[in-house]
Amino acid sequence: MDWSYRAAYMRERHAIEVEWANEALEDPEALRIDPDPASRSGRSVRTIGYSTKAGCLVTVITLEEDDVTYGVNGWRSNEIDLRRYREERS
């Protein structure tokens, strides 16, 4: 996962560390929504997974381009994503 372009933004804007986002992405119980329903381009992927270090579900947006997966953004999951996680994983 390449966070070179957006790690600082995610940390400053949402107080989410790269390590937490990576944990959420690696969660074996994570919900992956492809494409992300909020994506304007239809190319990004939304993953909702648990981060032990954050102590909560984290929503992570990624984008694959030229065989590289880029971390775009991440935040503590909101009520909509919490509901998606509960309902769509069942």
N, C-alpha and C. Protein backbone atom coordinates (compact mmCIF):
# COMPACT_ATOMS: atom_id res chain seq x y z
N MET A 1 0.84 -1.17 0.00
CA MET A 1 0.00 0.00 0.00
C MET A 1 0.89 1.23 0.00
N ASP A 2 0.67 2.09 -0.94
CA ASP A 2 1.46 3.31 -1.08
C ASP A 2 0.67 4.50 -0.50
N TRP A 3 1.13 5.01 0.60
CA TRP A 3 0.51 6.16 1.25
C TRP A 3 1.32 7.44 1.03
N SER A 4 2.26 7.43 0.11
CA SER A 4 3.19 8.55 -0.04
C SER A 4 2.51 9.88 -0.37
N TYR A 5 1.35 9.85 -1.01
CA TYR A 5 0.70 11.09 -1.39
C TYR A 5 -0.34 11.59 -0.38
N ARG A 6 -0.90 10.68 0.43
CA ARG A 6 -2.04 11.08 1.24
C ARG A 6 -1.93 10.81 2.74
N ALA A 7 -0.84 10.29 3.21
CA ALA A 7 -0.71 9.97 4.64
C ALA A 7 -0.85 11.22 5.51
N ALA A 8 -0.16 12.28 5.15
CA ALA A 8 -0.22 13.50 5.95
C ALA A 8 -1.63 14.09 5.96
N TYR A 9 -2.27 14.08 4.81
CA TYR A 9 -3.65 14.59 4.71
C TYR A 9 -4.57 13.80 5.64
N MET A 10 -4.49 12.48 5.58
CA MET A 10 -5.35 11.63 6.39
C MET A 10 -5.11 11.87 7.88
N ARG A 11 -3.87 12.01 8.25
CA ARG A 11 -3.51 12.25 9.65
C ARG A 11 -4.04 13.61 10.10
N GLU A 12 -3.82 14.65 9.30
CA GLU A 12 -4.23 16.00 9.66
C GLU A 12 -5.74 16.18 9.64
N ARG A 13 -6.38 15.63 8.65
CA ARG A 13 -7.82 15.85 8.46
C ARG A 13 -8.68 14.95 9.34
N HIS A 14 -8.25 13.68 9.51
CA HIS A 14 -9.10 12.70 10.20
C HIS A 14 -8.45 12.06 11.43
N ALA A 15 -7.23 12.44 11.74
CA ALA A 15 -6.50 11.88 12.89
C ALA A 15 -6.40 10.36 12.81
N ILE A 16 -6.16 9.86 11.60
CA ILE A 16 -5.98 8.43 11.37
C ILE A 16 -4.54 8.19 10.92
N GLU A 17 -3.89 7.26 11.58
CA GLU A 17 -2.52 6.90 11.22
C GLU A 17 -2.52 5.83 10.13
N VAL A 18 -1.50 5.84 9.31
CA VAL A 18 -1.35 4.85 8.25
C VAL A 18 -1.42 3.44 8.81
N GLU A 19 -0.78 3.21 9.93
CA GLU A 19 -0.77 1.90 10.56
C GLU A 19 -2.20 1.43 10.86
N TRP A 20 -3.05 2.32 11.29
CA TRP A 20 -4.44 1.98 11.60
C TRP A 20 -5.19 1.62 10.31
N ALA A 21 -4.99 2.42 9.28
CA ALA A 21 -5.64 2.16 8.00
C ALA A 21 -5.20 0.81 7.44
N ASN A 22 -3.92 0.53 7.53
CA ASN A 22 -3.42 -0.76 7.04
C ASN A 22 -4.00 -1.92 7.83
N GLU A 23 -4.15 -1.76 9.14
CA GLU A 23 -4.80 -2.80 9.95
C GLU A 23 -6.22 -3.06 9.47
N ALA A 24 -6.96 -1.99 9.20
CA ALA A 24 -8.34 -2.13 8.72
C ALA A 24 -8.36 -2.87 7.38
N LEU A 25 -7.42 -2.54 6.51
CA LEU A 25 -7.36 -3.20 5.20
C LEU A 25 -7.03 -4.69 5.34
N GLU A 26 -6.25 -5.04 6.35
CA GLU A 26 -5.82 -6.43 6.54
C GLU A 26 -6.79 -7.24 7.40
N ASP A 27 -7.81 -6.60 7.95
CA ASP A 27 -8.79 -7.29 8.78
C ASP A 27 -9.47 -8.40 7.96
N PRO A 28 -9.37 -9.67 8.39
CA PRO A 28 -9.98 -10.75 7.63
C PRO A 28 -11.51 -10.65 7.56
N GLU A 29 -12.11 -9.89 8.45
CA GLU A 29 -13.56 -9.71 8.46
C GLU A 29 -13.99 -8.43 7.75
N ALA A 30 -13.05 -7.72 7.13
CA ALA A 30 -13.34 -6.43 6.50
C ALA A 30 -14.38 -6.58 5.39
N LEU A 31 -15.15 -5.51 5.22
CA LEU A 31 -16.10 -5.41 4.12
C LEU A 31 -15.45 -4.59 3.03
N ARG A 32 -15.40 -5.14 1.83
CA ARG A 32 -14.80 -4.45 0.69
C ARG A 32 -15.92 -4.12 -0.29
N ILE A 33 -16.05 -2.84 -0.63
CA ILE A 33 -17.09 -2.39 -1.56
C ILE A 33 -16.40 -1.82 -2.80
N ASP A 34 -16.58 -2.51 -3.92
CA ASP A 34 -15.90 -2.15 -5.17
C ASP A 34 -16.93 -2.08 -6.29
N PRO A 35 -17.16 -0.88 -6.79
CA PRO A 35 -16.51 0.39 -6.48
C PRO A 35 -17.14 1.04 -5.24
N ASP A 36 -16.40 1.98 -4.69
CA ASP A 36 -16.89 2.78 -3.57
C ASP A 36 -18.15 3.52 -4.03
N PRO A 37 -19.26 3.41 -3.29
CA PRO A 37 -20.49 4.08 -3.72
C PRO A 37 -20.38 5.61 -3.80
N ALA A 38 -19.40 6.20 -3.13
CA ALA A 38 -19.23 7.66 -3.18
C ALA A 38 -18.19 8.09 -4.21
N SER A 39 -17.64 7.13 -4.95
CA SER A 39 -16.58 7.44 -5.91
C SER A 39 -17.14 8.19 -7.11
N ARG A 40 -16.52 9.30 -7.44
CA ARG A 40 -16.93 10.05 -8.63
C ARG A 40 -16.45 9.36 -9.90
N SER A 41 -15.27 8.76 -9.83
CA SER A 41 -14.70 8.11 -11.01
C SER A 41 -15.16 6.66 -11.17
N GLY A 42 -15.64 6.07 -10.07
CA GLY A 42 -16.01 4.66 -10.10
C GLY A 42 -14.82 3.74 -10.02
N ARG A 43 -13.64 4.27 -9.69
CA ARG A 43 -12.42 3.49 -9.66
C ARG A 43 -11.91 3.19 -8.26
N SER A 44 -12.40 3.89 -7.25
CA SER A 44 -11.88 3.67 -5.90
C SER A 44 -12.65 2.56 -5.20
N VAL A 45 -12.02 1.99 -4.18
CA VAL A 45 -12.59 0.90 -3.39
C VAL A 45 -12.69 1.36 -1.96
N ARG A 46 -13.83 1.05 -1.32
CA ARG A 46 -14.05 1.36 0.09
C ARG A 46 -13.90 0.07 0.89
N THR A 47 -13.05 0.09 1.91
CA THR A 47 -12.89 -1.05 2.80
C THR A 47 -13.21 -0.58 4.21
N ILE A 48 -14.04 -1.36 4.90
CA ILE A 48 -14.41 -1.07 6.28
C ILE A 48 -13.90 -2.23 7.12
N GLY A 49 -12.92 -1.95 7.96
CA GLY A 49 -12.32 -3.00 8.76
C GLY A 49 -11.95 -2.50 10.15
N TYR A 50 -11.66 -3.44 11.01
CA TYR A 50 -11.34 -3.10 12.40
C TYR A 50 -9.85 -2.86 12.56
N SER A 51 -9.52 -1.81 13.28
CA SER A 51 -8.14 -1.51 13.65
C SER A 51 -8.01 -1.64 15.16
N THR A 52 -7.20 -2.58 15.59
CA THR A 52 -6.97 -2.77 17.02
C THR A 52 -6.34 -1.53 17.64
N LYS A 53 -5.39 -0.95 16.95
CA LYS A 53 -4.68 0.22 17.48
C LYS A 53 -5.59 1.44 17.58
N ALA A 54 -6.52 1.59 16.64
CA ALA A 54 -7.48 2.69 16.70
C ALA A 54 -8.62 2.36 17.66
N GLY A 55 -8.88 1.07 17.86
CA GLY A 55 -9.95 0.63 18.74
C GLY A 55 -11.33 0.80 18.16
N CYS A 56 -11.41 0.84 16.83
CA CYS A 56 -12.71 1.03 16.17
C CYS A 56 -12.64 0.57 14.72
N LEU A 57 -13.80 0.60 14.07
CA LEU A 57 -13.83 0.35 12.63
C LEU A 57 -13.30 1.58 11.92
N VAL A 58 -12.54 1.34 10.87
CA VAL A 58 -11.96 2.42 10.08
C VAL A 58 -12.37 2.20 8.62
N THR A 59 -12.82 3.25 7.98
CA THR A 59 -13.15 3.21 6.57
C THR A 59 -11.94 3.72 5.79
N VAL A 60 -11.51 2.93 4.80
CA VAL A 60 -10.31 3.26 4.03
C VAL A 60 -10.66 3.27 2.54
N ILE A 61 -10.22 4.30 1.86
CA ILE A 61 -10.42 4.41 0.42
C ILE A 61 -9.09 4.17 -0.28
N THR A 62 -9.10 3.28 -1.27
CA THR A 62 -7.90 2.96 -2.03
C THR A 62 -8.20 3.09 -3.52
N LEU A 63 -7.13 3.20 -4.29
CA LEU A 63 -7.24 3.32 -5.74
C LEU A 63 -6.08 2.57 -6.36
N GLU A 64 -6.38 1.71 -7.32
CA GLU A 64 -5.31 1.00 -8.02
C GLU A 64 -5.04 1.68 -9.35
N GLU A 65 -3.75 1.91 -9.60
CA GLU A 65 -3.35 2.55 -10.84
C GLU A 65 -1.98 2.02 -11.24
N ASP A 66 -1.87 1.53 -12.46
CA ASP A 66 -0.60 0.99 -12.97
C ASP A 66 -0.02 -0.06 -12.03
N ASP A 67 -0.85 -0.99 -11.58
CA ASP A 67 -0.45 -2.10 -10.70
C ASP A 67 0.06 -1.66 -9.33
N VAL A 68 -0.24 -0.44 -8.92
CA VAL A 68 0.11 0.05 -7.59
C VAL A 68 -1.20 0.42 -6.89
N THR A 69 -1.34 -0.01 -5.63
CA THR A 69 -2.51 0.36 -4.86
C THR A 69 -2.13 1.53 -3.96
N TYR A 70 -2.85 2.62 -4.13
CA TYR A 70 -2.60 3.84 -3.37
C TYR A 70 -3.66 4.01 -2.28
N GLY A 71 -3.21 4.38 -1.09
CA GLY A 71 -4.12 4.78 -0.03
C GLY A 71 -4.54 6.20 -0.31
N VAL A 72 -5.84 6.43 -0.36
CA VAL A 72 -6.37 7.75 -0.70
C VAL A 72 -6.84 8.50 0.53
N ASN A 73 -7.56 7.78 1.43
CA ASN A 73 -8.10 8.44 2.60
C ASN A 73 -8.55 7.40 3.62
N GLY A 74 -8.78 7.83 4.83
CA GLY A 74 -9.29 6.95 5.86
C GLY A 74 -9.84 7.77 7.02
N TRP A 75 -10.86 7.22 7.68
CA TRP A 75 -11.49 7.89 8.82
C TRP A 75 -12.17 6.87 9.70
N ARG A 76 -12.49 7.28 10.92
CA ARG A 76 -13.28 6.42 11.80
C ARG A 76 -14.64 6.24 11.14
N SER A 77 -15.09 5.01 11.03
CA SER A 77 -16.33 4.72 10.29
C SER A 77 -17.52 5.45 10.90
N ASN A 78 -18.33 6.03 10.04
CA ASN A 78 -19.54 6.73 10.47
C ASN A 78 -20.69 5.73 10.59
N GLU A 79 -21.86 6.22 10.97
CA GLU A 79 -23.03 5.35 11.19
C GLU A 79 -23.41 4.56 9.94
N ILE A 80 -23.32 5.19 8.78
CA ILE A 80 -23.67 4.50 7.53
C ILE A 80 -22.73 3.32 7.30
N ASP A 81 -21.43 3.54 7.45
CA ASP A 81 -20.48 2.46 7.24
C ASP A 81 -20.57 1.39 8.33
N LEU A 82 -20.88 1.80 9.56
CA LEU A 82 -21.08 0.82 10.63
C LEU A 82 -22.25 -0.10 10.28
N ARG A 83 -23.34 0.48 9.76
CA ARG A 83 -24.51 -0.31 9.38
C ARG A 83 -24.17 -1.23 8.20
N ARG A 84 -23.47 -0.70 7.21
CA ARG A 84 -23.04 -1.54 6.06
C ARG A 84 -22.23 -2.72 6.55
N TYR A 85 -21.30 -2.45 7.44
CA TYR A 85 -20.41 -3.50 7.97
C TYR A 85 -21.24 -4.58 8.65
N ARG A 86 -22.17 -4.19 9.49
CA ARG A 86 -23.01 -5.17 10.21
C ARG A 86 -23.91 -5.95 9.26
N GLU A 87 -24.57 -5.24 8.34
CA GLU A 87 -25.58 -5.87 7.50
C GLU A 87 -25.01 -6.65 6.32
N GLU A 88 -24.03 -6.12 5.64
CA GLU A 88 -23.52 -6.74 4.42
C GLU A 88 -22.56 -7.90 4.68
N ARG A 89 -22.03 -7.99 5.87
CA ARG A 89 -21.14 -9.11 6.19
C ARG A 89 -21.95 -10.31 6.65
N SER A 90 -23.22 -10.12 7.00
CA SER A 90 -24.05 -11.20 7.54
C SER A 90 -24.42 -12.21 6.48
